[in-house]
All heavy atoms as atom14 arrays in JSON, in Angstrom:
{
  "sequence": "GKEREVVAAIFTANDSPGYADSVKGRFTISRDNAKISVYLQMSSLKPE",
  "atom14_mask": [
    [1, 1, 1, 1, 0, 0, 0, 0, 0, 0, 0, 0, 0, 0],
    [1, 1, 1, 1, 1, 1, 1, 1, 1, 0, 0, 0, 0, 0],
    [1, 1, 1, 1, 1, 1, 1, 1, 1, 0, 0, 0, 0, 0],
    [1, 1, 1, 1, 1, 1, 1, 1, 1, 1, 1, 0, 0, 0],
    [1, 1, 1, 1, 1, 1, 1, 1, 1, 0, 0, 0, 0, 0],
    [1, 1, 1, 1, 1, 1, 1, 0, 0, 0, 0, 0, 0, 0],
    [1, 1, 1, 1, 1, 1, 1, 0, 0, 0, 0, 0, 0, 0],
    [1, 1, 1, 1, 1, 0, 0, 0, 0, 0, 0, 0, 0, 0],
    [1, 1, 1, 1, 1, 0, 0, 0, 0, 0, 0, 0, 0, 0],
    [1, 1, 1, 1, 1, 1, 1, 1, 0, 0, 0, 0, 0, 0],
    [1, 1, 1, 1, 1, 1, 1, 1, 1, 1, 1, 0, 0, 0],
    [1, 1, 1, 1, 1, 1, 1, 0, 0, 0, 0, 0, 0, 0],
    [1, 1, 1, 1, 1, 0, 0, 0, 0, 0, 0, 0, 0, 0],
    [1, 1, 1, 1, 1, 1, 1, 1, 0, 0, 0, 0, 0, 0],
    [1, 1, 1, 1, 1, 1, 1, 1, 0, 0, 0, 0, 0, 0],
    [1, 1, 1, 1, 1, 1, 0, 0, 0, 0, 0, 0, 0, 0],
    [1, 1, 1, 1, 1, 1, 1, 0, 0, 0, 0, 0, 0, 0],
    [1, 1, 1, 1, 0, 0, 0, 0, 0, 0, 0, 0, 0, 0],
    [1, 1, 1, 1, 1, 1, 1, 1, 1, 1, 1, 1, 0, 0],
    [1, 1, 1, 1, 1, 0, 0, 0, 0, 0, 0, 0, 0, 0],
    [1, 1, 1, 1, 1, 1, 1, 1, 0, 0, 0, 0, 0, 0],
    [1, 1, 1, 1, 1, 1, 0, 0, 0, 0, 0, 0, 0, 0],
    [1, 1, 1, 1, 1, 1, 1, 0, 0, 0, 0, 0, 0, 0],
    [1, 1, 1, 1, 1, 1, 1, 1, 1, 0, 0, 0, 0, 0],
    [1, 1, 1, 1, 0, 0, 0, 0, 0, 0, 0, 0, 0, 0],
    [1, 1, 1, 1, 1, 1, 1, 1, 1, 1, 1, 0, 0, 0],
    [1, 1, 1, 1, 1, 1, 1, 1, 1, 1, 1, 0, 0, 0],
    [1, 1, 1, 1, 1, 1, 1, 0, 0, 0, 0, 0, 0, 0],
    [1, 1, 1, 1, 1, 1, 1, 1, 0, 0, 0, 0, 0, 0],
    [1, 1, 1, 1, 1, 1, 0, 0, 0, 0, 0, 0, 0, 0],
    [1, 1, 1, 1, 1, 1, 1, 1, 1, 1, 1, 0, 0, 0],
    [1, 1, 1, 1, 1, 1, 1, 1, 0, 0, 0, 0, 0, 0],
    [1, 1, 1, 1, 1, 1, 1, 1, 0, 0, 0, 0, 0, 0],
    [1, 1, 1, 1, 1, 0, 0, 0, 0, 0, 0, 0, 0, 0],
    [1, 1, 1, 1, 1, 1, 1, 1, 1, 0, 0, 0, 0, 0],
    [1, 1, 1, 1, 1, 1, 1, 1, 0, 0, 0, 0, 0, 0],
    [1, 1, 1, 1, 1, 1, 0, 0, 0, 0, 0, 0, 0, 0],
    [1, 1, 1, 1, 1, 1, 1, 0, 0, 0, 0, 0, 0, 0],
    [1, 1, 1, 1, 1, 1, 1, 1, 1, 1, 1, 1, 0, 0],
    [1, 1, 1, 1, 1, 1, 1, 1, 0, 0, 0, 0, 0, 0],
    [1, 1, 1, 1, 1, 1, 1, 1, 1, 0, 0, 0, 0, 0],
    [1, 1, 1, 1, 1, 1, 1, 1, 0, 0, 0, 0, 0, 0],
    [1, 1, 1, 1, 1, 1, 0, 0, 0, 0, 0, 0, 0, 0],
    [1, 1, 1, 1, 1, 1, 0, 0, 0, 0, 0, 0, 0, 0],
    [1, 1, 1, 1, 1, 1, 1, 1, 0, 0, 0, 0, 0, 0],
    [1, 1, 1, 1, 1, 1, 1, 1, 1, 0, 0, 0, 0, 0],
    [1, 1, 1, 1, 1, 1, 1, 0, 0, 0, 0, 0, 0, 0],
    [1, 1, 1, 1, 1, 1, 1, 1, 1, 0, 0, 0, 0, 0]
  ],
  "atom14_positions": [
    [[35.22, 23.56, 72.81], [36.48, 23.39, 73.49], [36.4, 23.36, 75.01], [37.43, 23.29, 75.68], [0.0, 0.0, 0.0], [0.0, 0.0, 0.0], [0.0, 0.0, 0.0], [0.0, 0.0, 0.0], [0.0, 0.0, 0.0], [0.0, 0.0, 0.0], [0.0, 0.0, 0.0], [0.0, 0.0, 0.0], [0.0, 0.0, 0.0], [0.0, 0.0, 0.0]],
    [[35.19, 23.42, 75.56], [35.02, 23.41, 77.0], [34.18, 22.23, 77.46], [33.45, 21.63, 76.67], [34.38, 24.71, 77.47], [35.2, 25.96, 77.2], [34.54, 27.19, 77.77], [35.38, 28.44, 77.53], [34.72, 29.65, 78.07], [0.0, 0.0, 0.0], [0.0, 0.0, 0.0], [0.0, 0.0, 0.0], [0.0, 0.0, 0.0], [0.0, 0.0, 0.0]],
    [[34.28, 21.9, 78.74], [33.5, 20.81, 79.31], [32.05, 21.21, 79.49], [31.74, 22.39, 79.66], [34.1, 20.39, 80.66], [35.5, 19.83, 80.59], [35.56, 18.49, 79.88], [34.59, 17.7, 80.0], [36.55, 18.23, 79.19], [0.0, 0.0, 0.0], [0.0, 0.0, 0.0], [0.0, 0.0, 0.0], [0.0, 0.0, 0.0], [0.0, 0.0, 0.0]],
    [[31.18, 20.22, 79.45], [29.77, 20.48, 79.72], [29.57, 20.88, 81.17], [30.24, 20.36, 82.07], [28.94, 19.23, 79.39], [28.8, 18.95, 77.9], [28.11, 17.63, 77.66], [28.95, 16.51, 78.06], [28.56, 15.24, 77.98], [27.35, 14.93, 77.53], [29.39, 14.28, 78.36], [0.0, 0.0, 0.0], [0.0, 0.0, 0.0], [0.0, 0.0, 0.0]],
    [[28.64, 21.78, 81.4], [28.38, 22.3, 82.72], [26.89, 22.32, 83.02], [26.1, 22.85, 82.23], [28.94, 23.73, 82.85], [28.65, 24.39, 84.19], [29.08, 25.85, 84.22], [29.03, 26.51, 83.16], [29.46, 26.32, 85.31], [0.0, 0.0, 0.0], [0.0, 0.0, 0.0], [0.0, 0.0, 0.0], [0.0, 0.0, 0.0], [0.0, 0.0, 0.0]],
    [[26.49, 21.74, 84.14], [25.11, 21.81, 84.59], [24.91, 23.17, 85.24], [25.49, 23.44, 86.3], [24.76, 20.69, 85.58], [23.29, 20.77, 86.0], [25.06, 19.32, 84.97], [0.0, 0.0, 0.0], [0.0, 0.0, 0.0], [0.0, 0.0, 0.0], [0.0, 0.0, 0.0], [0.0, 0.0, 0.0], [0.0, 0.0, 0.0], [0.0, 0.0, 0.0]],
    [[24.12, 24.02, 84.63], [23.96, 25.38, 85.13], [22.84, 25.5, 86.14], [22.87, 26.38, 87.02], [23.77, 26.39, 83.99], [24.98, 26.39, 83.07], [22.5, 26.1, 83.21], [0.0, 0.0, 0.0], [0.0, 0.0, 0.0], [0.0, 0.0, 0.0], [0.0, 0.0, 0.0], [0.0, 0.0, 0.0], [0.0, 0.0, 0.0], [0.0, 0.0, 0.0]],
    [[21.82, 24.64, 86.06], [20.69, 24.7, 86.98], [19.91, 23.4, 86.95], [19.86, 22.72, 85.93], [19.76, 25.86, 86.63], [0.0, 0.0, 0.0], [0.0, 0.0, 0.0], [0.0, 0.0, 0.0], [0.0, 0.0, 0.0], [0.0, 0.0, 0.0], [0.0, 0.0, 0.0], [0.0, 0.0, 0.0], [0.0, 0.0, 0.0], [0.0, 0.0, 0.0]],
    [[19.29, 23.04, 88.08], [18.5, 21.81, 88.17], [17.38, 21.98, 89.18], [17.51, 22.71, 90.17], [19.39, 20.63, 88.56], [0.0, 0.0, 0.0], [0.0, 0.0, 0.0], [0.0, 0.0, 0.0], [0.0, 0.0, 0.0], [0.0, 0.0, 0.0], [0.0, 0.0, 0.0], [0.0, 0.0, 0.0], [0.0, 0.0, 0.0], [0.0, 0.0, 0.0]],
    [[16.26, 21.28, 88.93], [15.11, 21.35, 89.81], [14.32, 20.05, 89.74], [14.24, 19.43, 88.68], [14.22, 22.57, 89.45], [13.14, 22.8, 90.51], [13.6, 22.39, 88.07], [12.41, 24.14, 90.33], [0.0, 0.0, 0.0], [0.0, 0.0, 0.0], [0.0, 0.0, 0.0], [0.0, 0.0, 0.0], [0.0, 0.0, 0.0], [0.0, 0.0, 0.0]],
    [[13.72, 19.64, 90.87], [12.96, 18.39, 90.92], [11.46, 18.63, 90.77], [10.8, 18.03, 89.94], [13.26, 17.66, 92.23], [12.53, 16.35, 92.36], [12.61, 15.39, 91.36], [11.79, 16.05, 93.51], [11.95, 14.16, 91.48], [11.14, 14.84, 93.65], [11.22, 13.89, 92.63], [0.0, 0.0, 0.0], [0.0, 0.0, 0.0], [0.0, 0.0, 0.0]],
    [[10.9, 19.5, 91.59], [9.49, 19.87, 91.51], [9.37, 21.38, 91.5], [10.34, 22.1, 91.74], [8.67, 19.31, 92.69], [9.06, 19.99, 93.9], [8.91, 17.81, 92.87], [0.0, 0.0, 0.0], [0.0, 0.0, 0.0], [0.0, 0.0, 0.0], [0.0, 0.0, 0.0], [0.0, 0.0, 0.0], [0.0, 0.0, 0.0], [0.0, 0.0, 0.0]],
    [[8.14, 21.85, 91.25], [7.9, 23.29, 91.22], [8.18, 23.94, 92.57], [8.47, 25.14, 92.62], [6.47, 23.58, 90.78], [0.0, 0.0, 0.0], [0.0, 0.0, 0.0], [0.0, 0.0, 0.0], [0.0, 0.0, 0.0], [0.0, 0.0, 0.0], [0.0, 0.0, 0.0], [0.0, 0.0, 0.0], [0.0, 0.0, 0.0], [0.0, 0.0, 0.0]],
    [[8.07, 23.17, 93.65], [8.31, 23.69, 94.99], [9.69, 23.33, 95.53], [9.99, 23.61, 96.69], [7.24, 23.2, 95.95], [5.86, 23.7, 95.59], [5.7, 24.85, 95.18], [4.85, 22.85, 95.75], [0.0, 0.0, 0.0], [0.0, 0.0, 0.0], [0.0, 0.0, 0.0], [0.0, 0.0, 0.0], [0.0, 0.0, 0.0], [0.0, 0.0, 0.0]],
    [[10.51, 22.73, 94.71], [11.84, 22.33, 95.12], [12.77, 23.53, 95.18], [12.55, 24.54, 94.49], [12.4, 21.29, 94.14], [13.7, 20.68, 94.6], [13.94, 20.6, 95.82], [14.5, 20.27, 93.72], [0.0, 0.0, 0.0], [0.0, 0.0, 0.0], [0.0, 0.0, 0.0], [0.0, 0.0, 0.0], [0.0, 0.0, 0.0], [0.0, 0.0, 0.0]],
    [[13.8, 23.41, 96.01], [14.83, 24.42, 96.05], [15.82, 24.12, 94.94], [16.52, 23.1, 95.0], [15.53, 24.42, 97.41], [16.55, 25.38, 97.46], [0.0, 0.0, 0.0], [0.0, 0.0, 0.0], [0.0, 0.0, 0.0], [0.0, 0.0, 0.0], [0.0, 0.0, 0.0], [0.0, 0.0, 0.0], [0.0, 0.0, 0.0], [0.0, 0.0, 0.0]],
    [[15.92, 24.95, 93.92], [16.77, 24.64, 92.78], [18.25, 24.8, 93.1], [18.64, 25.49, 94.03], [16.32, 25.65, 91.73], [15.84, 26.82, 92.52], [15.19, 26.23, 93.74], [0.0, 0.0, 0.0], [0.0, 0.0, 0.0], [0.0, 0.0, 0.0], [0.0, 0.0, 0.0], [0.0, 0.0, 0.0], [0.0, 0.0, 0.0], [0.0, 0.0, 0.0]],
    [[19.06, 24.15, 92.29], [20.5, 24.27, 92.4], [21.05, 25.04, 91.22], [20.58, 24.9, 90.09], [0.0, 0.0, 0.0], [0.0, 0.0, 0.0], [0.0, 0.0, 0.0], [0.0, 0.0, 0.0], [0.0, 0.0, 0.0], [0.0, 0.0, 0.0], [0.0, 0.0, 0.0], [0.0, 0.0, 0.0], [0.0, 0.0, 0.0], [0.0, 0.0, 0.0]],
    [[22.07, 25.88, 91.48], [22.67, 26.7, 90.44], [24.18, 26.6, 90.5], [24.79, 26.53, 91.57], [22.29, 28.16, 90.59], [20.82, 28.45, 90.4], [19.98, 28.6, 91.49], [20.28, 28.58, 89.12], [18.62, 28.87, 91.32], [18.94, 28.84, 88.95], [18.1, 28.99, 90.06], [16.76, 29.25, 89.87], [0.0, 0.0, 0.0], [0.0, 0.0, 0.0]],
    [[24.79, 26.6, 89.31], [26.23, 26.71, 89.25], [26.63, 28.11, 89.69], [25.9, 29.08, 89.47], [26.71, 26.44, 87.82], [0.0, 0.0, 0.0], [0.0, 0.0, 0.0], [0.0, 0.0, 0.0], [0.0, 0.0, 0.0], [0.0, 0.0, 0.0], [0.0, 0.0, 0.0], [0.0, 0.0, 0.0], [0.0, 0.0, 0.0], [0.0, 0.0, 0.0]],
    [[27.8, 28.22, 90.3], [28.26, 29.52, 90.78], [28.37, 30.55, 89.65], [28.18, 31.74, 89.87], [29.61, 29.37, 91.48], [29.51, 28.66, 92.81], [28.41, 28.62, 93.39], [30.55, 28.14, 93.27], [0.0, 0.0, 0.0], [0.0, 0.0, 0.0], [0.0, 0.0, 0.0], [0.0, 0.0, 0.0], [0.0, 0.0, 0.0], [0.0, 0.0, 0.0]],
    [[28.64, 30.07, 88.46], [28.83, 30.96, 87.33], [27.55, 31.69, 86.9], [27.62, 32.72, 86.23], [29.4, 30.19, 86.13], [28.55, 29.13, 85.76], [0.0, 0.0, 0.0], [0.0, 0.0, 0.0], [0.0, 0.0, 0.0], [0.0, 0.0, 0.0], [0.0, 0.0, 0.0], [0.0, 0.0, 0.0], [0.0, 0.0, 0.0], [0.0, 0.0, 0.0]],
    [[26.38, 31.16, 87.28], [25.11, 31.76, 86.86], [24.24, 32.19, 88.02], [23.19, 32.8, 87.8], [24.31, 30.81, 85.95], [25.16, 30.35, 84.77], [23.81, 29.6, 86.73], [0.0, 0.0, 0.0], [0.0, 0.0, 0.0], [0.0, 0.0, 0.0], [0.0, 0.0, 0.0], [0.0, 0.0, 0.0], [0.0, 0.0, 0.0], [0.0, 0.0, 0.0]],
    [[24.64, 31.9, 89.23], [23.83, 32.22, 90.4], [23.56, 33.71, 90.49], [24.47, 34.53, 90.37], [24.52, 31.72, 91.67], [23.66, 31.76, 92.92], [24.35, 31.05, 94.09], [24.56, 29.58, 93.8], [25.16, 28.86, 94.95], [0.0, 0.0, 0.0], [0.0, 0.0, 0.0], [0.0, 0.0, 0.0], [0.0, 0.0, 0.0], [0.0, 0.0, 0.0]],
    [[22.29, 34.06, 90.7], [21.89, 35.45, 90.77], [21.49, 36.03, 89.44], [20.88, 37.11, 89.4], [0.0, 0.0, 0.0], [0.0, 0.0, 0.0], [0.0, 0.0, 0.0], [0.0, 0.0, 0.0], [0.0, 0.0, 0.0], [0.0, 0.0, 0.0], [0.0, 0.0, 0.0], [0.0, 0.0, 0.0], [0.0, 0.0, 0.0], [0.0, 0.0, 0.0]],
    [[21.79, 35.35, 88.34], [21.46, 35.84, 87.01], [20.45, 34.95, 86.29], [19.63, 35.44, 85.53], [22.72, 35.96, 86.15], [23.74, 36.93, 86.71], [24.9, 37.14, 85.74], [25.63, 35.9, 85.46], [25.69, 35.32, 84.26], [25.07, 35.87, 83.22], [26.38, 34.2, 84.1], [0.0, 0.0, 0.0], [0.0, 0.0, 0.0], [0.0, 0.0, 0.0]],
    [[20.52, 33.64, 86.53], [19.63, 32.68, 85.89], [18.62, 32.16, 86.9], [18.93, 31.99, 88.09], [20.4, 31.49, 85.33], [21.28, 31.8, 84.15], [21.52, 33.1, 83.74], [21.88, 30.76, 83.45], [22.34, 33.37, 82.65], [22.7, 31.02, 82.35], [22.92, 32.32, 81.95], [0.0, 0.0, 0.0], [0.0, 0.0, 0.0], [0.0, 0.0, 0.0]],
    [[17.4, 31.87, 86.43], [16.37, 31.29, 87.26], [15.72, 30.12, 86.55], [15.23, 30.27, 85.43], [15.28, 32.33, 87.62], [15.87, 33.44, 88.31], [14.23, 31.7, 88.53], [0.0, 0.0, 0.0], [0.0, 0.0, 0.0], [0.0, 0.0, 0.0], [0.0, 0.0, 0.0], [0.0, 0.0, 0.0], [0.0, 0.0, 0.0], [0.0, 0.0, 0.0]],
    [[15.72, 28.96, 87.2], [15.07, 27.78, 86.64], [13.71, 27.6, 87.3], [13.56, 27.83, 88.51], [15.94, 26.51, 86.81], [15.32, 25.33, 86.06], [16.14, 26.18, 88.29], [16.22, 24.09, 86.02], [0.0, 0.0, 0.0], [0.0, 0.0, 0.0], [0.0, 0.0, 0.0], [0.0, 0.0, 0.0], [0.0, 0.0, 0.0], [0.0, 0.0, 0.0]],
    [[12.71, 27.21, 86.53], [11.38, 26.96, 87.06], [10.77, 25.77, 86.35], [11.24, 25.35, 85.28], [10.48, 28.2, 86.92], [10.34, 28.57, 85.56], [0.0, 0.0, 0.0], [0.0, 0.0, 0.0], [0.0, 0.0, 0.0], [0.0, 0.0, 0.0], [0.0, 0.0, 0.0], [0.0, 0.0, 0.0], [0.0, 0.0, 0.0], [0.0, 0.0, 0.0]],
    [[9.7, 25.23, 86.94], [9.09, 24.02, 86.39], [7.59, 24.05, 86.52], [7.05, 24.54, 87.51], [9.67, 22.79, 87.1], [9.16, 21.47, 86.58], [9.9, 20.32, 87.23], [9.42, 19.03, 86.73], [9.94, 17.86, 87.02], [10.99, 17.79, 87.83], [9.43, 16.75, 86.52], [0.0, 0.0, 0.0], [0.0, 0.0, 0.0], [0.0, 0.0, 0.0]],
    [[6.92, 23.49, 85.52], [5.48, 23.31, 85.53], [5.23, 21.81, 85.7], [5.41, 21.04, 84.76], [4.87, 23.82, 84.23], [3.36, 23.78, 84.23], [2.77, 22.99, 84.99], [2.74, 24.54, 83.45], [0.0, 0.0, 0.0], [0.0, 0.0, 0.0], [0.0, 0.0, 0.0], [0.0, 0.0, 0.0], [0.0, 0.0, 0.0], [0.0, 0.0, 0.0]],
    [[4.81, 21.39, 86.89], [4.6, 19.97, 87.17], [3.48, 19.35, 86.34], [3.51, 18.16, 86.05], [4.29, 19.77, 88.65], [5.48, 20.03, 89.54], [6.64, 19.9, 89.12], [5.22, 20.4, 90.79], [0.0, 0.0, 0.0], [0.0, 0.0, 0.0], [0.0, 0.0, 0.0], [0.0, 0.0, 0.0], [0.0, 0.0, 0.0], [0.0, 0.0, 0.0]],
    [[2.49, 20.13, 85.97], [1.33, 19.61, 85.26], [1.67, 19.11, 83.86], [1.07, 18.17, 83.38], [0.23, 20.67, 85.19], [0.0, 0.0, 0.0], [0.0, 0.0, 0.0], [0.0, 0.0, 0.0], [0.0, 0.0, 0.0], [0.0, 0.0, 0.0], [0.0, 0.0, 0.0], [0.0, 0.0, 0.0], [0.0, 0.0, 0.0], [0.0, 0.0, 0.0]],
    [[2.65, 19.72, 83.22], [2.98, 19.33, 81.86], [4.45, 18.99, 81.65], [4.93, 18.95, 80.53], [2.56, 20.42, 80.87], [3.11, 21.8, 81.17], [2.54, 22.82, 80.19], [3.03, 24.22, 80.48], [2.46, 25.21, 79.51], [0.0, 0.0, 0.0], [0.0, 0.0, 0.0], [0.0, 0.0, 0.0], [0.0, 0.0, 0.0], [0.0, 0.0, 0.0]],
    [[5.16, 18.74, 82.73], [6.58, 18.36, 82.7], [7.36, 19.31, 81.8], [8.02, 18.9, 80.84], [6.75, 16.9, 82.23], [5.74, 15.96, 82.89], [8.17, 16.41, 82.54], [5.83, 14.52, 82.44], [0.0, 0.0, 0.0], [0.0, 0.0, 0.0], [0.0, 0.0, 0.0], [0.0, 0.0, 0.0], [0.0, 0.0, 0.0], [0.0, 0.0, 0.0]],
    [[7.27, 20.57, 82.12], [8.0, 21.6, 81.4], [8.98, 22.28, 82.33], [8.74, 22.4, 83.53], [7.04, 22.64, 80.82], [6.15, 22.05, 79.88], [0.0, 0.0, 0.0], [0.0, 0.0, 0.0], [0.0, 0.0, 0.0], [0.0, 0.0, 0.0], [0.0, 0.0, 0.0], [0.0, 0.0, 0.0], [0.0, 0.0, 0.0], [0.0, 0.0, 0.0]],
    [[10.09, 22.71, 81.77], [11.1, 23.4, 82.55], [11.56, 24.63, 81.77], [11.62, 24.61, 80.54], [12.28, 22.46, 82.9], [13.0, 22.0, 81.64], [13.24, 23.15, 83.85], [0.0, 0.0, 0.0], [0.0, 0.0, 0.0], [0.0, 0.0, 0.0], [0.0, 0.0, 0.0], [0.0, 0.0, 0.0], [0.0, 0.0, 0.0], [0.0, 0.0, 0.0]],
    [[11.88, 25.69, 82.51], [12.24, 26.95, 81.89], [13.53, 27.47, 82.48], [13.91, 27.15, 83.6], [11.13, 27.99, 82.08], [9.77, 27.48, 81.71], [8.95, 26.87, 82.66], [9.29, 27.6, 80.41], [7.7, 26.38, 82.32], [8.05, 27.11, 80.06], [7.25, 26.51, 81.01], [6.01, 26.03, 80.66], [0.0, 0.0, 0.0], [0.0, 0.0, 0.0]],
    [[14.2, 28.3, 81.71], [15.4, 28.96, 82.2], [15.34, 30.42, 81.81], [15.45, 30.76, 80.63], [16.67, 28.31, 81.63], [17.99, 28.84, 82.21], [18.12, 28.42, 83.67], [19.18, 28.32, 81.41], [0.0, 0.0, 0.0], [0.0, 0.0, 0.0], [0.0, 0.0, 0.0], [0.0, 0.0, 0.0], [0.0, 0.0, 0.0], [0.0, 0.0, 0.0]],
    [[15.15, 31.28, 82.8], [15.15, 32.72, 82.58], [16.57, 33.23, 82.79], [17.12, 33.1, 83.89], [14.18, 33.41, 83.53], [14.13, 34.93, 83.38], [13.58, 35.36, 82.04], [12.52, 34.89, 81.63], [14.29, 36.23, 81.35], [0.0, 0.0, 0.0], [0.0, 0.0, 0.0], [0.0, 0.0, 0.0], [0.0, 0.0, 0.0], [0.0, 0.0, 0.0]],
    [[17.15, 33.79, 81.76], [18.51, 34.28, 81.81], [18.53, 35.79, 81.69], [17.92, 36.35, 80.79], [19.35, 33.66, 80.69], [19.35, 32.13, 80.69], [20.39, 31.43, 79.38], [19.44, 31.89, 77.93], [0.0, 0.0, 0.0], [0.0, 0.0, 0.0], [0.0, 0.0, 0.0], [0.0, 0.0, 0.0], [0.0, 0.0, 0.0], [0.0, 0.0, 0.0]],
    [[19.21, 36.44, 82.59], [19.33, 37.89, 82.58], [20.79, 38.27, 82.8], [21.6, 37.45, 83.2], [18.43, 38.53, 83.63], [18.78, 38.11, 84.94], [0.0, 0.0, 0.0], [0.0, 0.0, 0.0], [0.0, 0.0, 0.0], [0.0, 0.0, 0.0], [0.0, 0.0, 0.0], [0.0, 0.0, 0.0], [0.0, 0.0, 0.0], [0.0, 0.0, 0.0]],
    [[21.08, 39.54, 82.55], [22.45, 40.04, 82.7], [23.45, 39.13, 81.99], [24.49, 38.77, 82.53], [22.82, 40.18, 84.18], [21.95, 41.08, 84.83], [0.0, 0.0, 0.0], [0.0, 0.0, 0.0], [0.0, 0.0, 0.0], [0.0, 0.0, 0.0], [0.0, 0.0, 0.0], [0.0, 0.0, 0.0], [0.0, 0.0, 0.0], [0.0, 0.0, 0.0]],
    [[23.1, 38.77, 80.77], [23.92, 37.81, 80.02], [25.3, 38.38, 79.71], [25.46, 39.58, 79.46], [23.21, 37.42, 78.73], [22.05, 36.43, 78.92], [21.17, 36.39, 77.68], [22.59, 35.04, 79.23], [0.0, 0.0, 0.0], [0.0, 0.0, 0.0], [0.0, 0.0, 0.0], [0.0, 0.0, 0.0], [0.0, 0.0, 0.0], [0.0, 0.0, 0.0]],
    [[26.27, 37.49, 79.74], [27.66, 37.82, 79.48], [28.17, 37.03, 78.28], [27.64, 35.97, 77.98], [28.54, 37.51, 80.7], [28.08, 38.15, 81.99], [28.93, 37.66, 83.16], [28.49, 38.28, 84.46], [29.3, 37.8, 85.61], [0.0, 0.0, 0.0], [0.0, 0.0, 0.0], [0.0, 0.0, 0.0], [0.0, 0.0, 0.0], [0.0, 0.0, 0.0]],
    [[29.2, 37.52, 77.59], [29.75, 36.77, 76.46], [30.16, 35.34, 76.83], [30.04, 34.44, 76.0], [30.96, 37.61, 76.05], [30.58, 39.0, 76.42], [29.83, 38.85, 77.71], [0.0, 0.0, 0.0], [0.0, 0.0, 0.0], [0.0, 0.0, 0.0], [0.0, 0.0, 0.0], [0.0, 0.0, 0.0], [0.0, 0.0, 0.0], [0.0, 0.0, 0.0]],
    [[30.62, 35.13, 78.06], [31.01, 33.8, 78.48], [29.83, 32.84, 78.66], [30.03, 31.65, 78.89], [31.84, 33.86, 79.78], [31.19, 34.67, 80.89], [31.72, 36.09, 80.96], [31.87, 36.72, 79.9], [32.0, 36.56, 82.08], [0.0, 0.0, 0.0], [0.0, 0.0, 0.0], [0.0, 0.0, 0.0], [0.0, 0.0, 0.0], [0.0, 0.0, 0.0]]
  ]
}
């Protein structure tokens, strides 16, 4: 029932990532350039 939301994005492993205000300070996005992998570490999770 809700719109899609981009919570985090990154270009390279050394790039400055972007975060939605709703997750800033709680989520961390990272990337492995060697194998084109991306990760999202989520902490202090909320029901929302």
